[in-house]
Amino acid sequence: FIFRFGVMVEAPLQWRSPALGAFWDKIQQNPAPIDFLALRLVKHANLEPTMEHREVVMKRLRKFDYRQEGFIFADEFERLSGDVSFFRGIASWVRSLMDELPAAQDKNGFAATLP
């Protein structure tokens, strides 16, 4: 929080990943429901919006402690900036999560390449 003209206001969020910040701006909900956010991320990665794909993304989103169960605030979502930057974009990061799917693993449990 910052003080402006003697009034305490919330400081604007500084996104470490501009792509993630731009994605969040399109959501226009704060907080956003986790299932809605997962669906938007899956679609952003040009993946089929199947329940299986959504569950994989939701599993990753649930790894943090959130202020409100089932919802993510912008500052909480920003914690994913490091992951998104590592994979050089949101779509690549989401596709990397799909390595957890059984179909994405070979018979020895190693990641197979997705189409």
Foldseek 3Di string as FASTA:
>chain_A
DDADPNDDDDDDDDAPAVQLVVLVVVVPDFWDFLLVVLQSLCVVLVHPSDPVLSVLSSVVLPPDDAPDPRTHGPVSSSVCRVLQVVLVHSNSSSVVSCQPPPVQADPVRHGHDDD
